[in-house]
């Protein structure tokens, strides 16, 4: 497995600086946040080519674009079309960047509150999005995330089944599953198997709204922690990823209130390296 840095961790810095820092720290990849202030869908292609050149010069890969497009389950037809237009631009950018995967969102609410209409609209939008990605030879990733239809394994698998195409898979984020109170560990890895296309890593403790330094929308409050010091439990997760033959990226997107993002990125890299060495991955 290879290590990547999602620029969400450095959202207060220009993308060029994020790329330089990721390479200096030792990451093998960088995952650009595909919205302001880093790489929004309306970024001119000449600028995208400059980024591709910079990434190549420092020896990094771009495993995924952390896009915010989608939300099909709760969107009207005009909004769906705007989202698909943005996705097409992102796919064109991904081709320039040599990036195989773009994140896409099904939309909310969480599965327990969703109606048949929510699932139907999500499936229709995702099917169009996936067909578009396939025309570029690229894939889309649904990130496991609290507050959305893909909040748990059952939800994300239902979406994959409704879309019914191999060009869409899972961005496995165990911390998001943990915050949602869903199963998140090695059993999830083994169940999803080859449907895992990319992995996000960060650590946290579930928390109450009244606690200091909490993040997240109600009721999904959490307190960020250094990797390996929260409640997620990464060693067995990494071992399970190894066992299923996952050879992609572990992309860190940790943010900790009051700490400089570059220092957090350095600490997270050291922790990831230690885990990878320990698990012989």
Protein backbone atom coordinates (compact mmCIF):
# COMPACT_ATOMS: atom_id res chain seq x y z
CA UNK A 1 0.00 0.00 0.00
CA UNK A 2 1.04 3.56 -0.68
CA UNK A 3 0.54 6.73 1.38
CA UNK A 4 -1.28 9.81 0.17
CA UNK A 5 -2.23 13.18 1.65
CA UNK A 6 -5.69 14.62 1.02
CA UNK A 7 -5.43 18.40 0.73
CA UNK A 8 -8.47 18.77 3.01
CA UNK A 9 -5.82 18.59 5.73
CA UNK A 10 -4.22 21.76 4.32
CA UNK A 11 -7.31 23.63 3.20
CA UNK A 12 -5.84 26.97 4.35
CA UNK A 13 -2.87 26.65 1.93
CA UNK A 14 -2.62 26.96 -1.87
CA UNK A 15 -2.67 23.67 -3.77
CA UNK A 16 0.88 24.19 -5.04
CA UNK A 17 2.11 24.36 -1.45
CA UNK A 18 0.09 21.27 -0.51
CA UNK A 19 1.77 19.32 -3.31
CA UNK A 20 5.22 20.50 -2.28
CA UNK A 21 4.62 19.66 1.38
CA UNK A 22 3.25 16.19 0.60
CA UNK A 23 6.38 15.36 -1.38
CA UNK A 24 8.74 16.84 1.22
CA UNK A 25 7.12 14.86 4.02
CA UNK A 26 7.42 11.62 2.07
CA UNK A 27 3.90 10.85 0.87
CA UNK A 28 3.71 9.02 -2.44
CA UNK A 29 0.47 10.63 -3.54
CA UNK A 30 -1.66 13.74 -3.13
CA UNK A 31 -5.46 13.79 -3.26
CA UNK A 32 -6.65 17.26 -4.26
CA UNK A 33 -9.80 18.67 -2.75
CA UNK A 34 -11.86 19.22 -5.90
CA UNK A 35 -13.49 22.45 -4.74
CA UNK A 36 -12.34 25.86 -3.58
CA UNK A 37 -9.69 26.74 -2.65
CA UNK A 38 -7.84 23.93 -4.43
CA UNK A 39 -9.29 22.39 -7.60
CA UNK A 40 -12.93 23.37 -8.31
CA UNK A 41 -14.65 22.02 -11.44
CA UNK A 42 -14.25 25.35 -13.28
CA UNK A 43 -10.45 25.28 -13.01
CA UNK A 44 -9.02 26.14 -16.46
CA UNK A 45 -7.38 23.17 -18.16
CA UNK A 46 -4.14 25.13 -18.55
CA UNK A 47 -3.98 25.40 -14.77
CA UNK A 48 -4.74 21.66 -14.49
CA UNK A 49 -1.82 20.95 -16.83
CA UNK A 50 0.44 23.06 -14.60
CA UNK A 51 -0.65 21.01 -11.59
CA UNK A 52 -0.04 17.76 -13.47
CA UNK A 53 3.47 18.94 -14.34
CA UNK A 54 4.20 19.94 -10.75
CA UNK A 55 2.95 16.62 -9.39
CA UNK A 56 5.11 14.75 -11.90
CA UNK A 57 8.19 16.84 -11.07
CA UNK A 58 7.99 15.99 -7.36
CA UNK A 59 7.30 12.31 -8.05
CA UNK A 60 3.75 12.06 -6.71
CA UNK A 61 0.64 10.30 -7.99
CA UNK A 62 -2.94 11.56 -7.80
CA UNK A 63 -5.03 8.54 -6.76
CA UNK A 64 -8.36 10.34 -6.40
CA UNK A 65 -10.08 13.70 -6.79
CA UNK A 66 -11.92 14.50 -3.55
CA UNK A 67 -14.94 15.96 -5.33
CA UNK A 68 -18.17 17.28 -3.83
CA UNK A 69 -20.42 16.56 -6.81
CA UNK A 70 -23.61 14.55 -6.55
CA UNK A 71 -26.28 14.77 -3.89
CA UNK A 72 -28.69 13.24 -6.39
CA UNK A 73 -31.13 11.80 -3.86
CA UNK A 74 -32.41 15.20 -2.75
CA UNK A 75 -31.82 17.26 -5.90
CA UNK A 76 -34.25 18.56 -8.50
CA UNK A 77 -33.65 17.82 -12.18
CA UNK A 78 -31.90 21.14 -12.91
CA UNK A 79 -29.51 20.64 -9.99
CA UNK A 80 -28.76 17.07 -11.07
CA UNK A 81 -27.83 18.35 -14.53
CA UNK A 82 -25.53 21.01 -13.05
CA UNK A 83 -23.86 18.36 -10.91
CA UNK A 84 -23.36 16.10 -13.93
CA UNK A 85 -21.89 19.02 -15.88
CA UNK A 86 -19.43 19.64 -13.03
CA UNK A 87 -18.60 15.94 -12.97
CA UNK A 88 -17.81 15.96 -16.69
CA UNK A 89 -15.34 18.80 -16.14
CA UNK A 90 -13.76 16.91 -13.24
CA UNK A 91 -13.43 13.78 -15.38
CA UNK A 92 -11.68 15.82 -18.06
CA UNK A 93 -9.35 17.18 -15.38
CA UNK A 94 -8.72 13.68 -14.04
CA UNK A 95 -7.62 12.57 -17.49
CA UNK A 96 -5.05 15.38 -17.62
CA UNK A 97 -3.86 14.53 -14.10
CA UNK A 98 -3.58 10.79 -14.71
CA UNK A 99 -6.10 10.23 -11.90
CA UNK A 100 -8.22 7.06 -12.11
CA UNK A 101 -10.93 7.89 -9.56
CA UNK A 102 -13.34 10.73 -8.76
CA UNK A 103 -15.42 10.85 -5.59
CA UNK A 104 -19.17 11.30 -6.00
CA UNK A 105 -21.99 11.69 -3.45
CA UNK A 106 -25.32 9.89 -3.52
CA UNK A 107 -26.89 12.40 -1.12
CA UNK A 108 -28.82 12.09 2.10
CA UNK A 109 -30.49 11.42 4.39
CA UNK A 110 -29.05 8.56 6.41
CA UNK A 111 -30.52 5.15 5.44
CA UNK A 112 -32.93 4.92 8.36
CA UNK A 113 -34.66 8.13 7.29
CA UNK A 114 -34.57 7.57 3.54
CA UNK A 115 -37.65 6.94 1.42
CA UNK A 116 -37.93 4.84 -1.72
CA UNK A 117 -37.80 8.10 -3.69
CA UNK A 118 -34.43 9.00 -2.16
CA UNK A 119 -32.96 5.66 -3.23
CA UNK A 120 -34.51 5.89 -6.70
CA UNK A 121 -33.21 9.42 -7.34
CA UNK A 122 -29.76 8.50 -6.02
CA UNK A 123 -29.61 5.43 -8.25
CA UNK A 124 -30.70 7.36 -11.36
CA UNK A 125 -28.14 10.12 -10.79
CA UNK A 126 -25.34 7.72 -9.94
CA UNK A 127 -26.12 5.58 -12.98
CA UNK A 128 -25.80 8.59 -15.28
CA UNK A 129 -22.62 9.65 -13.48
CA UNK A 130 -21.09 6.20 -13.75
CA UNK A 131 -21.91 5.87 -17.43
CA UNK A 132 -20.21 9.23 -17.96
CA UNK A 133 -17.12 8.12 -16.03
CA UNK A 134 -16.99 4.88 -18.00
CA UNK A 135 -16.91 6.85 -21.26
CA UNK A 136 -13.61 8.35 -20.02
CA UNK A 137 -12.28 4.99 -18.83
CA UNK A 138 -12.45 6.21 -15.22
CA UNK A 139 -14.19 5.10 -12.03
CA UNK A 140 -16.28 6.79 -9.36
CA UNK A 141 -16.02 6.23 -5.62
CA UNK A 142 -18.79 6.44 -3.01
CA UNK A 143 -17.26 7.41 0.32
CA UNK A 144 -18.69 5.82 3.46
CA UNK A 145 -19.89 8.87 5.38
CA UNK A 146 -22.26 9.71 8.24
CA UNK A 147 -25.46 11.55 7.36
CA UNK A 148 -25.72 10.12 3.82
CA UNK A 149 -27.30 7.09 2.17
CA UNK A 150 -23.83 5.50 2.19
CA UNK A 151 -23.58 5.88 5.98
CA UNK A 152 -23.16 2.15 6.55
CA UNK A 153 -22.18 -0.95 4.62
CA UNK A 154 -25.79 -1.89 3.87
CA UNK A 155 -26.43 1.55 2.42
CA UNK A 156 -23.37 1.67 0.20
CA UNK A 157 -23.96 -1.88 -1.04
CA UNK A 158 -27.60 -1.08 -1.83
CA UNK A 159 -26.43 1.87 -3.94
CA UNK A 160 -23.85 -0.23 -5.78
CA UNK A 161 -26.48 -2.86 -6.53
CA UNK A 162 -28.96 -0.26 -7.79
CA UNK A 163 -26.35 1.26 -10.13
CA UNK A 164 -25.14 -2.16 -11.27
CA UNK A 165 -21.88 -1.10 -12.91
CA UNK A 166 -18.29 -2.08 -12.19
CA UNK A 167 -17.06 1.49 -12.72
CA UNK A 168 -18.37 2.58 -9.31
CA UNK A 169 -16.97 1.32 -6.02
CA UNK A 170 -16.24 2.31 -2.44
CA UNK A 171 -13.98 4.88 -0.84
CA UNK A 172 -13.66 3.15 2.50
CA UNK A 173 -13.41 5.59 5.42
CA UNK A 174 -13.48 3.63 8.67
CA UNK A 175 -13.44 6.79 10.81
CA UNK A 176 -16.65 8.04 9.20
CA UNK A 177 -18.31 4.67 9.82
CA UNK A 178 -17.08 4.77 13.42
CA UNK A 179 -18.53 8.26 13.98
CA UNK A 180 -21.86 7.05 12.56
CA UNK A 181 -21.89 4.20 15.08
CA UNK A 182 -21.78 1.64 12.26
CA UNK A 183 -19.55 -1.40 11.86
CA UNK A 184 -16.27 -0.05 10.59
CA UNK A 185 -13.40 -2.51 11.16
CA UNK A 186 -11.82 -5.54 9.49
CA UNK A 187 -15.17 -7.29 9.04
CA UNK A 188 -16.23 -4.42 6.78
CA UNK A 189 -13.01 -4.70 4.76
CA UNK A 190 -13.53 -8.40 4.21
CA UNK A 191 -17.19 -7.92 3.26
CA UNK A 192 -16.52 -5.12 0.75
CA UNK A 193 -13.40 -6.80 -0.64
CA UNK A 194 -12.58 -5.77 -4.20
CA UNK A 195 -15.27 -3.09 -4.14
CA UNK A 196 -12.83 -0.94 -2.13
CA UNK A 197 -11.14 1.38 -4.62
CA UNK A 198 -9.54 3.87 -2.22
CA UNK A 199 -9.08 4.32 1.55
CA UNK A 200 -9.28 7.45 3.71
CA UNK A 201 -7.61 7.43 7.11
CA UNK A 202 -7.97 9.62 10.19
CA UNK A 203 -8.76 8.94 13.85
CA UNK A 204 -11.20 10.30 16.39
CA UNK A 205 -13.36 9.63 19.43
CA UNK A 206 -17.13 9.95 19.32
CA UNK A 207 -18.04 12.92 21.50
CA UNK A 208 -20.86 14.98 22.95
CA UNK A 209 -21.63 18.44 21.60
CA UNK A 210 -20.62 19.96 24.95
CA UNK A 211 -17.06 18.61 24.83
CA UNK A 212 -14.16 20.86 23.76
CA UNK A 213 -12.67 20.74 20.24
CA UNK A 214 -15.50 18.71 18.75
CA UNK A 215 -16.27 18.61 15.03
CA UNK A 216 -19.12 17.32 12.91
CA UNK A 217 -22.80 18.12 12.38
CA UNK A 218 -25.40 17.00 14.91
CA UNK A 219 -25.70 14.24 15.96
CA UNK A 220 -22.35 13.03 14.58
CA UNK A 221 -19.97 14.83 16.93
CA UNK A 222 -16.40 13.65 17.23
CA UNK A 223 -13.08 14.80 18.64
CA UNK A 224 -10.15 14.38 16.22
CA UNK A 225 -7.17 12.42 17.51
CA UNK A 226 -3.69 11.58 16.23
CA UNK A 227 -3.74 8.46 14.08
CA UNK A 228 -3.66 5.40 16.34
CA UNK A 229 -4.82 7.28 19.44
CA UNK A 230 -8.56 7.35 18.77
CA UNK A 231 -11.32 4.78 18.69
CA UNK A 232 -11.03 3.50 15.11
CA UNK A 233 -8.40 0.79 15.62
CA UNK A 234 -6.21 0.73 12.53
CA UNK A 235 -3.85 -2.27 12.90
CA UNK A 236 -6.55 -4.94 12.29
CA UNK A 237 -8.05 -2.80 9.50
CA UNK A 238 -4.70 -2.57 7.71
CA UNK A 239 -4.13 -6.29 8.20
CA UNK A 240 -7.53 -7.01 6.62
CA UNK A 241 -6.72 -4.71 3.69
CA UNK A 242 -3.50 -6.64 3.20
CA UNK A 243 -5.39 -9.93 3.33
CA UNK A 244 -7.85 -8.92 0.59
CA UNK A 245 -4.95 -7.85 -1.62
CA UNK A 246 -5.55 -4.10 -1.47
CA UNK A 247 -2.51 -2.36 -2.99
CA UNK A 248 -3.91 1.14 -3.45
CA UNK A 249 -3.47 4.29 -1.40
CA UNK A 250 -4.10 5.10 2.23
CA UNK A 251 -5.01 8.79 1.99
CA UNK A 252 -4.78 10.78 5.20
CA UNK A 253 -7.31 13.59 5.68
CA UNK A 254 -6.84 14.37 9.36
CA UNK A 255 -7.57 17.84 10.74
CA UNK A 256 -7.05 18.80 14.37
CA UNK A 257 -8.33 22.10 15.80
CA UNK A 258 -5.60 24.52 16.86
CA UNK A 259 -2.79 22.66 15.09
CA UNK A 260 -0.89 23.66 11.98
CA UNK A 261 -1.96 21.45 9.08
CA UNK A 262 1.59 20.80 7.94
CA UNK A 263 2.59 19.53 11.39
CA UNK A 264 -0.50 17.30 11.49
CA UNK A 265 0.42 15.92 8.06
CA UNK A 266 3.95 15.11 9.30
CA UNK A 267 2.66 13.36 12.43
CA UNK A 268 0.10 11.39 10.45
CA UNK A 269 2.74 10.29 7.95
CA UNK A 270 5.00 9.02 10.74
CA UNK A 271 2.10 7.10 12.31
CA UNK A 272 1.06 5.61 8.97
CA UNK A 273 4.63 4.55 8.21
CA UNK A 274 4.84 2.86 11.59
CA UNK A 275 1.57 1.00 11.00
CA UNK A 276 2.58 -0.08 7.52
CA UNK A 277 5.96 -1.32 8.78
CA UNK A 278 4.35 -3.14 11.71
CA UNK A 279 1.79 -4.86 9.47
CA UNK A 280 4.43 -5.57 6.78
CA UNK A 281 2.19 -4.01 4.16
